[in-house]
């Protein structure tokens, strides 16, 4: 019996064709093998013994499948009907564990992003709506609602519930398409643009053209051709916005400045030395598309070192921070347009 939804009917497999699969040595899953279960799900070479009623309760796909009369030669394992699926064993384990445990995430600590991504895919495939909603909601916490605050953190490895690495964004793009959740796309595509291979096209162009970069950057497989085009098209705009962000943030000293001469000297250093050394790069180097990162605190620390302990006064420093926050808010509001997206209910700029 097969449990792959939305697939066309195929011709019946012959015994000779089934023989290699049948000969594959099966092993009971260590976490999800219930002695009183009455059905066995087989993913890859791992068998999960569970309850038909539990699967039917949560999944429309399994519920519909179990209404189909079994064939006369139905496969059994340990006396239970067996259902072979094309999913990975890890994906099936994560889904079944969530169904039986009643909790998708641990009470304390983080959950691996790959686990959450697998749960989204499995819940979507088997039409387990509450599980799909819960896992997507967790991803949205980082990539939509709290993205501006999160991207300002240094390092960006701390999130209350979800692990993070920038390459996860490529999977987020795929999940956004899979689940029709376009609000995930602006942040995810932006992060794609800040990572290899997009941020260093001059170095990676050859391999990118050869096989779409998939050999050197396997996570590119999660992007469609349209996604790649969106990222490539957005790069010049993101660089331009990065320069605008810098110029806006350090557009002058505060009207309330109390150290006028010193702050003017610091401002001159920042707008010249930091701009050319820290913002502009050589033609052969990576491009800086991180237009949402915060830079005021880094510049303050840098000027303390380079100017023998001098930096902006509190009023000027505070005014630069305010300008930066306003500029980041504006950029976040405009982010969908950089990728040619129209996102319903996208937040308005507060600036």
C-alpha atoms as a PDB file:
ATOM      1  CA  UNK A   1       0.000   0.000   0.000  1.00  0.00           C
ATOM      2  CA  UNK A   2       1.283   3.469  -0.818  1.00  0.00           C
ATOM      3  CA  UNK A   3       0.581   6.702   1.079  1.00  0.00           C
ATOM      4  CA  UNK A   4       1.950   9.307  -1.312  1.00  0.00           C
ATOM      5  CA  UNK A   5      -0.845  11.853  -1.889  1.00  0.00           C
ATOM      6  CA  UNK A   6      -1.618  13.650  -5.106  1.00  0.00           C
ATOM      7  CA  UNK A   7       0.315  11.198  -7.248  1.00  0.00           C
ATOM      8  CA  UNK A   8      -1.162   9.709 -10.439  1.00  0.00           C
ATOM      9  CA  UNK A   9      -2.006   6.027 -10.534  1.00  0.00           C
ATOM     10  CA  UNK A  10       0.790   3.959 -11.981  1.00  0.00           C
ATOM     11  CA  UNK A  11       0.855   0.482 -13.435  1.00  0.00           C
ATOM     12  CA  UNK A  12       1.054  -2.327 -10.921  1.00  0.00           C
ATOM     13  CA  UNK A  13       4.585  -3.260  -9.998  1.00  0.00           C
ATOM     14  CA  UNK A  14       5.732  -6.767 -10.742  1.00  0.00           C
ATOM     15  CA  UNK A  15       7.116  -9.096  -8.085  1.00  0.00           C
ATOM     16  CA  UNK A  16      10.530  -8.817  -9.715  1.00  0.00           C
ATOM     17  CA  UNK A  17      10.432  -5.042  -9.400  1.00  0.00           C
ATOM     18  CA  UNK A  18       9.358  -5.234  -5.760  1.00  0.00           C
ATOM     19  CA  UNK A  19      11.966  -7.793  -4.845  1.00  0.00           C
ATOM     20  CA  UNK A  20      14.894  -5.396  -4.142  1.00  0.00           C
ATOM     21  CA  UNK A  21      12.728  -3.242  -1.886  1.00  0.00           C
ATOM     22  CA  UNK A  22      11.430  -6.293  -0.071  1.00  0.00           C
ATOM     23  CA  UNK A  23      14.955  -7.601   0.431  1.00  0.00           C
ATOM     24  CA  UNK A  24      16.102  -4.316   1.989  1.00  0.00           C
ATOM     25  CA  UNK A  25      16.694  -5.040   5.629  1.00  0.00           C
ATOM     26  CA  UNK A  26      14.146  -3.218   7.757  1.00  0.00           C
ATOM     27  CA  UNK A  27      14.793  -1.983  11.249  1.00  0.00           C
ATOM     28  CA  UNK A  28      12.327  -0.934  13.897  1.00  0.00           C
ATOM     29  CA  UNK A  29      12.521   2.722  14.781  1.00  0.00           C
ATOM     30  CA  UNK A  30      13.861   3.212  18.286  1.00  0.00           C
ATOM     31  CA  UNK A  31      11.553   6.119  19.135  1.00  0.00           C
ATOM     32  CA  UNK A  32       8.320   5.276  17.339  1.00  0.00           C
ATOM     33  CA  UNK A  33       7.650   1.556  17.565  1.00  0.00           C
ATOM     34  CA  UNK A  34       4.571   0.892  19.684  1.00  0.00           C
ATOM     35  CA  UNK A  35       3.944  -2.726  20.636  1.00  0.00           C
ATOM     36  CA  UNK A  36       0.162  -2.297  20.540  1.00  0.00           C
ATOM     37  CA  UNK A  37       0.216  -0.477  17.190  1.00  0.00           C
ATOM     38  CA  UNK A  38      -1.878  -1.916  14.372  1.00  0.00           C
ATOM     39  CA  UNK A  39      -0.175  -0.483  11.275  1.00  0.00           C
ATOM     40  CA  UNK A  40       3.446  -0.135  10.160  1.00  0.00           C
ATOM     41  CA  UNK A  41       4.703   2.847   8.167  1.00  0.00           C
ATOM     42  CA  UNK A  42       7.932   2.168   6.266  1.00  0.00           C
ATOM     43  CA  UNK A  43      10.105   5.117   5.245  1.00  0.00           C
ATOM     44  CA  UNK A  44      13.390   4.209   3.562  1.00  0.00           C
ATOM     45  CA  UNK A  45      14.429   1.106   5.535  1.00  0.00           C
ATOM     46  CA  UNK A  46      12.919   2.157   8.861  1.00  0.00           C
ATOM     47  CA  UNK A  47       9.612   0.767  10.153  1.00  0.00           C
ATOM     48  CA  UNK A  48       7.316   2.735  12.477  1.00  0.00           C
ATOM     49  CA  UNK A  49       4.582   0.805  14.285  1.00  0.00           C
ATOM     50  CA  UNK A  50       1.727   3.130  15.141  1.00  0.00           C
ATOM     51  CA  UNK A  51      -2.051   3.270  15.374  1.00  0.00           C
ATOM     52  CA  UNK A  52      -4.343   3.636  12.404  1.00  0.00           C
ATOM     53  CA  UNK A  53      -6.805   5.640  14.532  1.00  0.00           C
ATOM     54  CA  UNK A  54      -4.154   8.212  15.521  1.00  0.00           C
ATOM     55  CA  UNK A  55      -3.083   8.750  11.939  1.00  0.00           C
ATOM     56  CA  UNK A  56      -6.702   9.044  10.795  1.00  0.00           C
ATOM     57  CA  UNK A  57      -7.481  11.521  13.557  1.00  0.00           C
ATOM     58  CA  UNK A  58      -4.741  13.939  12.546  1.00  0.00           C
ATOM     59  CA  UNK A  59      -4.218  13.403   8.815  1.00  0.00           C
ATOM     60  CA  UNK A  60      -6.784  13.721   6.054  1.00  0.00           C
ATOM     61  CA  UNK A  61      -4.477  11.844   3.700  1.00  0.00           C
ATOM     62  CA  UNK A  62      -4.179   8.793   5.956  1.00  0.00           C
ATOM     63  CA  UNK A  63      -7.887   8.991   6.783  1.00  0.00           C
ATOM     64  CA  UNK A  64      -8.824   8.801   3.113  1.00  0.00           C
ATOM     65  CA  UNK A  65      -6.256   6.129   2.390  1.00  0.00           C
ATOM     66  CA  UNK A  66      -7.587   3.830   5.094  1.00  0.00           C
ATOM     67  CA  UNK A  67     -11.049   3.885   3.490  1.00  0.00           C
ATOM     68  CA  UNK A  68      -9.634   2.051   0.447  1.00  0.00           C
ATOM     69  CA  UNK A  69      -9.987  -1.744   0.736  1.00  0.00           C
ATOM     70  CA  UNK A  70      -6.551  -3.410   1.012  1.00  0.00           C
ATOM     71  CA  UNK A  71      -5.319  -5.612  -1.866  1.00  0.00           C
ATOM     72  CA  UNK A  72      -5.416  -9.377  -1.542  1.00  0.00           C
ATOM     73  CA  UNK A  73      -1.631  -9.548  -1.391  1.00  0.00           C
ATOM     74  CA  UNK A  74      -1.276  -6.776   1.193  1.00  0.00           C
ATOM     75  CA  UNK A  75       2.179  -6.644   2.747  1.00  0.00           C
ATOM     76  CA  UNK A  76       2.358  -7.216   6.493  1.00  0.00           C
ATOM     77  CA  UNK A  77       5.137  -6.686   9.007  1.00  0.00           C
ATOM     78  CA  UNK A  78       4.931  -8.346  12.410  1.00  0.00           C
ATOM     79  CA  UNK A  79       1.300  -9.156  11.651  1.00  0.00           C
ATOM     80  CA  UNK A  80       0.364  -5.533  10.861  1.00  0.00           C
ATOM     81  CA  UNK A  81      -0.518  -4.025   7.472  1.00  0.00           C
ATOM     82  CA  UNK A  82       2.468  -2.160   6.053  1.00  0.00           C
ATOM     83  CA  UNK A  83       2.374   1.189   4.244  1.00  0.00           C
ATOM     84  CA  UNK A  84       5.476   2.173   2.290  1.00  0.00           C
ATOM     85  CA  UNK A  85       6.069   5.885   1.727  1.00  0.00           C
ATOM     86  CA  UNK A  86       8.671   7.878  -0.186  1.00  0.00           C
ATOM     87  CA  UNK A  87       9.508  10.172   2.742  1.00  0.00           C
ATOM     88  CA  UNK A  88      12.784  10.156   4.598  1.00  0.00           C
ATOM     89  CA  UNK A  89      12.923   8.197   7.830  1.00  0.00           C
ATOM     90  CA  UNK A  90      13.898  11.341   9.729  1.00  0.00           C
ATOM     91  CA  UNK A  91      10.937  13.270   8.355  1.00  0.00           C
ATOM     92  CA  UNK A  92       8.479  10.527   9.251  1.00  0.00           C
ATOM     93  CA  UNK A  93       9.997  10.166  12.717  1.00  0.00           C
ATOM     94  CA  UNK A  94       9.699  13.894  13.418  1.00  0.00           C
ATOM     95  CA  UNK A  95       6.065  13.933  12.311  1.00  0.00           C
ATOM     96  CA  UNK A  96       4.983  10.831  14.217  1.00  0.00           C
ATOM     97  CA  UNK A  97       6.833  11.939  17.341  1.00  0.00           C
ATOM     98  CA  UNK A  98       5.016  15.280  17.221  1.00  0.00           C
ATOM     99  CA  UNK A  99       1.632  13.542  16.819  1.00  0.00           C
ATOM    100  CA  UNK A 100       2.190  11.175  19.731  1.00  0.00           C
ATOM    101  CA  UNK A 101       4.124  13.468  22.012  1.00  0.00           C
ATOM    102  CA  UNK A 102       1.554  16.248  21.764  1.00  0.00           C
ATOM    103  CA  UNK A 103       4.309  18.854  21.679  1.00  0.00           C
ATOM    104  CA  UNK A 104       6.127  20.074  18.592  1.00  0.00           C
ATOM    105  CA  UNK A 105       8.904  21.895  20.428  1.00  0.00           C
ATOM    106  CA  UNK A 106      10.694  21.319  23.733  1.00  0.00           C
ATOM    107  CA  UNK A 107       9.640  23.410  26.693  1.00  0.00           C
ATOM    108  CA  UNK A 108      13.186  24.718  27.026  1.00  0.00           C
ATOM    109  CA  UNK A 109      15.960  25.242  24.537  1.00  0.00           C
ATOM    110  CA  UNK A 110      16.021  25.450  20.789  1.00  0.00           C
ATOM    111  CA  UNK A 111      14.915  23.079  18.069  1.00  0.00           C
ATOM    112  CA  UNK A 112      17.008  22.509  14.959  1.00  0.00           C
ATOM    113  CA  UNK A 113      15.745  24.434  11.950  1.00  0.00           C
ATOM    114  CA  UNK A 114      16.038  21.306   9.783  1.00  0.00           C
ATOM    115  CA  UNK A 115      13.578  19.549  12.095  1.00  0.00           C
ATOM    116  CA  UNK A 116      11.065  22.389  11.797  1.00  0.00           C
ATOM    117  CA  UNK A 117      11.483  22.480   8.018  1.00  0.00           C
ATOM    118  CA  UNK A 118      10.902  18.726   7.815  1.00  0.00           C
ATOM    119  CA  UNK A 119       7.765  19.064   9.941  1.00  0.00           C
ATOM    120  CA  UNK A 120       6.399  21.783   7.666  1.00  0.00           C
ATOM    121  CA  UNK A 121       6.908  19.594   4.602  1.00  0.00           C
ATOM    122  CA  UNK A 122       5.440  16.492   6.215  1.00  0.00           C
ATOM    123  CA  UNK A 123       2.471  18.308   7.742  1.00  0.00           C
ATOM    124  CA  UNK A 124       1.726  19.955   4.420  1.00  0.00           C
ATOM    125  CA  UNK A 125       1.982  16.692   2.496  1.00  0.00           C
ATOM    126  CA  UNK A 126      -0.224  14.726   4.902  1.00  0.00           C
ATOM    127  CA  UNK A 127      -2.596  17.639   5.469  1.00  0.00           C
ATOM    128  CA  UNK A 128      -2.093  17.978   9.212  1.00  0.00           C
ATOM    129  CA  UNK A 129      -3.189  21.596   9.360  1.00  0.00           C
ATOM    130  CA  UNK A 130      -2.524  22.388  13.026  1.00  0.00           C
ATOM    131  CA  UNK A 131       1.040  21.028  12.822  1.00  0.00           C
ATOM    132  CA  UNK A 132       1.752  22.948   9.630  1.00  0.00           C
ATOM    133  CA  UNK A 133       0.386  26.153  11.182  1.00  0.00           C
ATOM    134  CA  UNK A 134       2.383  25.739  14.391  1.00  0.00           C
ATOM    135  CA  UNK A 135       5.694  25.084  12.679  1.00  0.00           C
ATOM    136  CA  UNK A 136       5.202  27.875  10.162  1.00  0.00           C
ATOM    137  CA  UNK A 137       4.323  30.224  12.997  1.00  0.00           C
ATOM    138  CA  UNK A 138       7.680  29.525  14.623  1.00  0.00           C
ATOM    139  CA  UNK A 139       9.526  30.280  11.393  1.00  0.00           C
ATOM    140  CA  UNK A 140       7.508  33.494  11.030  1.00  0.00           C
ATOM    141  CA  UNK A 141       8.623  34.594  14.497  1.00  0.00           C
ATOM    142  CA  UNK A 142      12.131  34.890  13.137  1.00  0.00           C
ATOM    143  CA  UNK A 143      11.648  35.683   9.453  1.00  0.00           C
ATOM    144  CA  UNK A 144       8.672  38.068   9.655  1.00  0.00           C
ATOM    145  CA  UNK A 145       7.524  39.478  13.005  1.00  0.00           C
ATOM    146  CA  UNK A 146      10.883  39.670  14.762  1.00  0.00           C
ATOM    147  CA  UNK A 147      13.240  39.856  11.819  1.00  0.00           C
ATOM    148  CA  UNK A 148      14.438  43.442  12.271  1.00  0.00           C
ATOM    149  CA  UNK A 149      15.298  42.850  15.928  1.00  0.00           C
ATOM    150  CA  UNK A 150      16.880  39.490  15.178  1.00  0.00           C
ATOM    151  CA  UNK A 151      19.064  40.721  12.328  1.00  0.00           C
ATOM    152  CA  UNK A 152      20.408  43.452  14.611  1.00  0.00           C
ATOM    153  CA  UNK A 153      21.728  40.846  17.083  1.00  0.00           C
ATOM    154  CA  UNK A 154      25.417  40.027  17.029  1.00  0.00           C
ATOM    155  CA  UNK A 155      25.988  37.149  16.825  1.00  0.00           C
ATOM    156  CA  UNK A 156      22.769  36.090  15.114  1.00  0.00           C
ATOM    157  CA  UNK A 157      22.810  32.614  16.614  1.00  0.00           C
ATOM    158  CA  UNK A 158      20.420  33.215  19.484  1.00  0.00           C
ATOM    159  CA  UNK A 159      16.685  32.759  19.042  1.00  0.00           C
ATOM    160  CA  UNK A 160      14.459  31.459  21.851  1.00  0.00           C
ATOM    161  CA  UNK A 161      13.057  28.500  19.917  1.00  0.00           C
ATOM    162  CA  UNK A 162      14.895  28.058  16.636  1.00  0.00           C
ATOM    163  CA  UNK A 163      18.526  27.502  15.648  1.00  0.00           C
ATOM    164  CA  UNK A 164      19.826  29.741  12.899  1.00  0.00           C
ATOM    165  CA  UNK A 165      22.377  29.777  10.130  1.00  0.00           C
ATOM    166  CA  UNK A 166      22.124  32.024   7.116  1.00  0.00           C
ATOM    167  CA  UNK A 167      21.867  29.077   4.707  1.00  0.00           C
ATOM    168  CA  UNK A 168      18.513  28.175   6.291  1.00  0.00           C
ATOM    169  CA  UNK A 169      17.041  31.066   4.317  1.00  0.00           C
ATOM    170  CA  UNK A 170      17.247  29.020   1.119  1.00  0.00           C
ATOM    171  CA  UNK A 171      14.945  26.403   2.649  1.00  0.00           C
ATOM    172  CA  UNK A 172      12.636  29.124   3.945  1.00  0.00           C
ATOM    173  CA  UNK A 173      12.150  30.344   0.370  1.00  0.00           C
ATOM    174  CA  UNK A 174      11.111  26.849  -0.686  1.00  0.00           C
ATOM    175  CA  UNK A 175       8.757  26.471   2.288  1.00  0.00           C
ATOM    176  CA  UNK A 176       7.172  29.838   1.484  1.00  0.00           C
ATOM    177  CA  UNK A 177       6.303  28.593  -1.994  1.00  0.00           C
ATOM    178  CA  UNK A 178       5.191  25.175  -0.768  1.00  0.00           C
ATOM    179  CA  UNK A 179       2.771  26.543   1.814  1.00  0.00           C
ATOM    180  CA  UNK A 180       1.765  29.719  -0.035  1.00  0.00           C
ATOM    181  CA  UNK A 181       3.235  31.916   2.705  1.00  0.00           C
ATOM    182  CA  UNK A 182       4.636  34.893   0.762  1.00  0.00           C
ATOM    183  CA  UNK A 183       5.333  36.919   3.911  1.00  0.00           C
ATOM    184  CA  UNK A 184       8.416  34.713   4.458  1.00  0.00           C
ATOM    185  CA  UNK A 185       9.973  35.652   1.126  1.00  0.00           C
ATOM    186  CA  UNK A 186      11.371  39.196   1.679  1.00  0.00           C
ATOM    187  CA  UNK A 187      13.555  38.271   4.667  1.00  0.00           C
ATOM    188  CA  UNK A 188      14.546  34.891   3.234  1.00  0.00           C
ATOM    189  CA  UNK A 189      15.516  36.264  -0.178  1.00  0.00           C
ATOM    190  CA  UNK A 190      17.375  39.133   1.502  1.00  0.00           C
ATOM    191  CA  UNK A 191      19.440  36.653   3.531  1.00  0.00           C
ATOM    192  CA  UNK A 192      20.120  34.635   0.385  1.00  0.00           C
ATOM    193  CA  UNK A 193      21.556  37.778  -1.187  1.00  0.00           C
ATOM    194  CA  UNK A 194      23.877  38.342   1.791  1.00  0.00           C
ATOM    195  CA  UNK A 195      25.388  34.849   1.516  1.00  0.00           C
ATOM    196  CA  UNK A 196      27.387  32.865  -0.992  1.00  0.00           C
ATOM    197  CA  UNK A 197      27.237  32.679  -3.930  1.00  0.00           C
ATOM    198  CA  UNK A 198      25.286  35.906  -4.435  1.00  0.00           C
ATOM    199  CA  UNK A 199      27.444  38.209  -2.308  1.00  0.00           C
ATOM    200  CA  UNK A 200      30.574  37.209  -4.233  1.00  0.00           C
ATOM    201  CA  UNK A 201      29.495  36.790  -7.836  1.00  0.00           C
ATOM    202  CA  UNK A 202      32.856  37.765  -9.312  1.00  0.00           C
ATOM    203  CA  UNK A 203      34.414  34.790  -7.522  1.00  0.00           C
ATOM    204  CA  UNK A 204      31.557  32.344  -8.001  1.00  0.00           C
ATOM    205  CA  UNK A 205      30.221  33.259 -11.422  1.00  0.00           C
ATOM    206  CA  UNK A 206      31.986  30.445 -13.265  1.00  0.00           C
ATOM    207  CA  UNK A 207      30.657  27.664 -11.043  1.00  0.00           C
ATOM    208  CA  UNK A 208      27.295  29.402 -10.915  1.00  0.00           C
ATOM    209  CA  UNK A 209      27.023  29.259 -14.696  1.00  0.00           C
ATOM    210  CA  UNK A 210      28.350  25.721 -14.914  1.00  0.00           C
ATOM    211  CA  UNK A 211      25.716  23.900 -12.889  1.00  0.00           C
ATOM    212  CA  UNK A 212      23.740  26.703 -11.238  1.00  0.00           C
ATOM    213  CA  UNK A 213      26.228  26.479  -8.398  1.00  0.00           C
ATOM    214  CA  UNK A 214      24.659  23.308  -7.009  1.00  0.00           C
ATOM    215  CA  UNK A 215      27.946  21.396  -6.679  1.00  0.00           C
ATOM    216  CA  UNK A 216      29.637  24.045  -4.560  1.00  0.00           C
ATOM    217  CA  UNK A 217      26.510  25.438  -2.930  1.00  0.00           C
ATOM    218  CA  UNK A 218      24.060  22.535  -2.485  1.00  0.00           C
ATOM    219  CA  UNK A 219      21.481  24.698  -0.725  1.00  0.00           C
ATOM    220  CA  UNK A 220      20.829  26.480  -4.035  1.00  0.00           C
ATOM    221  CA  UNK A 221      18.635  23.517  -4.933  1.00  0.00           C
ATOM    222  CA  UNK A 222      15.904  25.052  -2.792  1.00  0.00           C
ATOM    223  CA  UNK A 223      15.604  28.084  -5.086  1.00  0.00           C
ATOM    224  CA  UNK A 224      13.646  28.099  -8.311  1.00  0.00           C
ATOM    225  CA  UNK A 225      14.977  29.816 -11.423  1.00  0.00           C
ATOM    226  CA  UNK A 226      12.654  32.715 -10.632  1.00  0.00           C
ATOM    227  CA  UNK A 227      14.039  32.975  -7.085  1.00  0.00           C
ATOM    228  CA  UNK A 228      17.596  33.133  -8.409  1.00  0.00           C
ATOM    229  CA  UNK A 229      16.590  35.808 -10.891  1.00  0.00           C
ATOM    230  CA  UNK A 230      14.959  37.815  -8.101  1.00  0.00           C
ATOM    231  CA  UNK A 231      18.146  37.659  -6.026  1.00  0.00           C
ATOM    232  CA  UNK A 232      20.430  38.594  -8.908  1.00  0.00           C
ATOM    233  CA  UNK A 233      18.151  41.468  -9.865  1.00  0.00           C
ATOM    234  CA  UNK A 234      18.017  42.766  -6.274  1.00  0.00           C
ATOM    235  CA  UNK A 235      21.786  42.875  -5.697  1.00  0.00           C
ATOM    236  CA  UNK A 236      22.439  46.332  -7.220  1.00  0.00           C
ATOM    237  CA  UNK A 237      19.480  47.771  -5.331  1.00  0.00           C
ATOM    238  CA  UNK A 238      20.634  46.300  -2.012  1.00  0.00           C
ATOM    239  CA  UNK A 239      24.118  47.747  -2.473  1.00  0.00           C
ATOM    240  CA  UNK A 240      22.599  51.122  -3.301  1.00  0.00           C
ATOM    241  CA  UNK A 241      20.387  50.953  -0.215  1.00  0.00           C
ATOM    242  CA  UNK A 242      23.400  50.019   1.924  1.00  0.00           C
ATOM    243  CA  UNK A 243      25.159  53.203   0.803  1.00  0.00           C
ATOM    244  CA  UNK A 244      21.989  55.223   1.432  1.00  0.00           C
ATOM    245  CA  UNK A 245      21.702  53.710   4.920  1.00  0.00           C
ATOM    246  CA  UNK A 246      25.246  54.779   5.774  1.00  0.00           C
ATOM    247  CA  UNK A 247      24.787  58.280   4.423  1.00  0.00           C
ATOM    248  CA  UNK A 248      21.457  58.727   6.199  1.00  0.00           C
ATOM    249  CA  UNK A 249      22.707  57.409   9.538  1.00  0.00           C
ATOM    250  CA  UNK A 250      25.781  59.652   9.560  1.00  0.00           C
ATOM    251  CA  UNK A 251      24.253  62.639   7.791  1.00  0.00           C
ATOM    252  CA  UNK A 252      25.590  65.141  10.330  1.00  0.00           C
ATOM    253  CA  UNK A 253      26.039  65.929  14.000  1.00  0.00           C
ATOM    254  CA  UNK A 254      23.079  66.468  16.280  1.00  0.00           C
ATOM    255  CA  UNK A 255      21.614  69.976  16.750  1.00  0.00           C
ATOM    256  CA  UNK A 256      22.018  69.300  20.467  1.00  0.00           C
ATOM    257  CA  UNK A 257      25.716  68.398  20.196  1.00  0.00           C
ATOM    258  CA  UNK A 258      27.761  69.415  23.251  1.00  0.00           C
ATOM    259  CA  UNK A 259      31.206  68.654  21.786  1.00  0.00           C
ATOM    260  CA  UNK A 260      30.926  70.430  18.463  1.00  0.00           C
ATOM    261  CA  UNK A 261      34.572  70.472  17.396  1.00  0.00           C
ATOM    262  CA  UNK A 262      35.282  66.911  18.470  1.00  0.00           C
ATOM    263  CA  UNK A 263      32.089  65.510  16.943  1.00  0.00           C
ATOM    264  CA  UNK A 264      32.748  67.279  13.640  1.00  0.00           C
ATOM    265  CA  UNK A 265      36.198  65.683  13.544  1.00  0.00           C
ATOM    266  CA  UNK A 266      34.730  62.268  14.317  1.00  0.00           C
ATOM    267  CA  UNK A 267      32.000  62.777  11.715  1.00  0.00           C
ATOM    268  CA  UNK A 268      34.596  63.669   9.089  1.00  0.00           C
ATOM    269  CA  UNK A 269      36.568  60.525   9.915  1.00  0.00           C
ATOM    270  CA  UNK A 270      33.499  58.321   9.833  1.00  0.00           C
ATOM    271  CA  UNK A 271      32.102  59.653   6.583  1.00  0.00           C
ATOM    272  CA  UNK A 272      35.452  59.388   4.825  1.00  0.00           C
ATOM    273  CA  UNK A 273      37.600  56.631   6.322  1.00  0.00           C
ATOM    274  CA  UNK A 274      34.816  54.287   7.429  1.00  0.00           C
ATOM    275  CA  UNK A 275      32.914  54.760   4.207  1.00  0.00           C
ATOM    276  CA  UNK A 276      35.789  53.911   1.925  1.00  0.00           C
ATOM    277  CA  UNK A 277      37.390  51.286   4.158  1.00  0.00           C
ATOM    278  CA  UNK A 278      34.280  49.601   5.497  1.00  0.00           C
ATOM    279  CA  UNK A 279      31.538  50.127   2.929  1.00  0.00           C
ATOM    280  CA  UNK A 280      33.277  50.244  -0.430  1.00  0.00           C
ATOM    281  CA  UNK A 281      35.097  47.116  -1.532  1.00  0.00           C
ATOM    282  CA  UNK A 282      37.504  46.216  -4.270  1.00  0.00           C
ATOM    283  CA  UNK A 283      35.913  45.163  -7.574  1.00  0.00           C
ATOM    284  CA  UNK A 284      37.116  41.601  -7.043  1.00  0.00           C
ATOM    285  CA  UNK A 285      35.859  41.289  -3.475  1.00  0.00           C
ATOM    286  CA  UNK A 286      32.436  40.485  -2.029  1.00  0.00           C
ATOM    287  CA  UNK A 287      29.712  43.089  -2.248  1.00  0.00           C
ATOM    288  CA  UNK A 288      28.063  44.352   0.909  1.00  0.00           C
ATOM    289  CA  UNK A 289      24.313  43.800   0.695  1.00  0.00           C
ATOM    290  CA  UNK A 290      23.697  43.773   4.461  1.00  0.00           C
ATOM    291  CA  UNK A 291      21.570  46.897   4.382  1.00  0.00           C
ATOM    292  CA  UNK A 292      19.566  45.916   7.481  1.00  0.00           C
ATOM    293  CA  UNK A 293      22.477  45.343   9.830  1.00  0.00           C
ATOM    294  CA  UNK A 294      23.137  47.877  12.570  1.00  0.00           C
ATOM    295  CA  UNK A 295      26.429  49.731  12.292  1.00  0.00           C
ATOM    296  CA  UNK A 296      26.302  52.646  14.767  1.00  0.00           C
ATOM    297  CA  UNK A 297      27.686  50.711  17.748  1.00  0.00           C
ATOM    298  CA  UNK A 298      30.471  49.215  15.628  1.00  0.00           C
ATOM    299  CA  UNK A 299      31.427  52.639  14.292  1.00  0.00           C
ATOM    300  CA  UNK A 300      31.481  54.084  17.819  1.00  0.00           C
ATOM    301  CA  UNK A 301      33.873  51.363  18.994  1.00  0.00           C
ATOM    302  CA  UNK A 302      36.001  51.750  15.890  1.00  0.00           C
ATOM    303  CA  UNK A 303      36.397  55.494  16.276  1.00  0.00           C
ATOM    304  CA  UNK A 304      37.413  55.084  19.913  1.00  0.00           C
ATOM    305  CA  UNK A 305      40.314  52.950  18.748  1.00  0.00           C
ATOM    306  CA  UNK A 306      41.302  54.942  15.683  1.00  0.00           C
ATOM    307  CA  UNK A 307      40.920  58.445  17.220  1.00  0.00           C
ATOM    308  CA  UNK A 308      42.717  57.852  20.514  1.00  0.00           C
ATOM    309  CA  UNK A 309      39.585  57.530  22.618  1.00  0.00           C
ATOM    310  CA  UNK A 310      37.497  60.189  20.898  1.00  0.00           C
ATOM    311  CA  UNK A 311      34.035  59.448  19.533  1.00  0.00           C
ATOM    312  CA  UNK A 312      30.653  61.129  19.167  1.00  0.00           C
ATOM    313  CA  UNK A 313      29.087  62.742  22.213  1.00  0.00           C
ATOM    314  CA  UNK A 314      25.979  61.111  23.656  1.00  0.00           C
ATOM    315  CA  UNK A 315      23.603  63.413  21.763  1.00  0.00           C
ATOM    316  CA  UNK A 316      25.257  62.782  18.390  1.00  0.00           C
ATOM    317  CA  UNK A 317      25.547  59.058  19.028  1.00  0.00           C
ATOM    318  CA  UNK A 318      21.904  58.883  20.033  1.00  0.00           C
ATOM    319  CA  UNK A 319      20.818  60.869  16.973  1.00  0.00           C
ATOM    320  CA  UNK A 320      22.761  58.509  14.671  1.00  0.00           C
ATOM    321  CA  UNK A 321      21.005  55.576  16.319  1.00  0.00           C
ATOM    322  CA  UNK A 322      17.608  57.178  15.775  1.00  0.00           C
ATOM    323  CA  UNK A 323      18.384  57.842  12.120  1.00  0.00           C
ATOM    324  CA  UNK A 324      19.555  54.270  11.689  1.00  0.00           C
ATOM    325  CA  UNK A 325      16.368  52.853  13.243  1.00  0.00           C
ATOM    326  CA  UNK A 326      14.221  55.049  10.998  1.00  0.00           C
ATOM    327  CA  UNK A 327      16.202  54.069   7.907  1.00  0.00           C
ATOM    328  CA  UNK A 328      16.042  50.349   8.728  1.00  0.00           C
ATOM    329  CA  UNK A 329      12.293  50.623   9.208  1.00  0.00           C
ATOM    330  CA  UNK A 330      11.969  52.275   5.800  1.00  0.00           C
ATOM    331  CA  UNK A 331      14.117  49.633   4.121  1.00  0.00           C
ATOM    332  CA  UNK A 332      12.170  46.787   5.751  1.00  0.00           C
ATOM    333  CA  UNK A 333       8.928  48.336   4.536  1.00  0.00           C
ATOM    334  CA  UNK A 334      10.319  48.550   0.991  1.00  0.00           C
ATOM    335  CA  UNK A 335      12.080  45.152   1.015  1.00  0.00           C
ATOM    336  CA  UNK A 336       9.399  43.260  -1.006  1.00  0.00           C
ATOM    337  CA  UNK A 337       9.746  45.761  -3.863  1.00  0.00           C
ATOM    338  CA  UNK A 338      13.468  45.025  -4.179  1.00  0.00           C
ATOM    339  CA  UNK A 339      12.519  41.494  -5.206  1.00  0.00           C
ATOM    340  CA  UNK A 340       9.522  42.458  -7.315  1.00  0.00           C
ATOM    341  CA  UNK A 341       7.079  41.120  -4.720  1.00  0.00           C
ATOM    342  CA  UNK A 342       3.689  42.394  -3.606  1.00  0.00           C
ATOM    343  CA  UNK A 343       3.023  40.968  -0.137  1.00  0.00           C
ATOM    344  CA  UNK A 344      -0.524  41.351   1.244  1.00  0.00           C
ATOM    345  CA  UNK A 345      -0.687  43.144   4.607  1.00  0.00           C
ATOM    346  CA  UNK A 346       3.027  43.915   4.634  1.00  0.00           C
ATOM    347  CA  UNK A 347       3.825  46.276   7.559  1.00  0.00           C
ATOM    348  CA  UNK A 348       3.800  49.978   6.852  1.00  0.00           C
ATOM    349  CA  UNK A 349       6.835  52.086   7.650  1.00  0.00           C
ATOM    350  CA  UNK A 350       6.660  53.879  11.003  1.00  0.00           C
ATOM    351  CA  UNK A 351       9.153  56.533   9.910  1.00  0.00           C
END
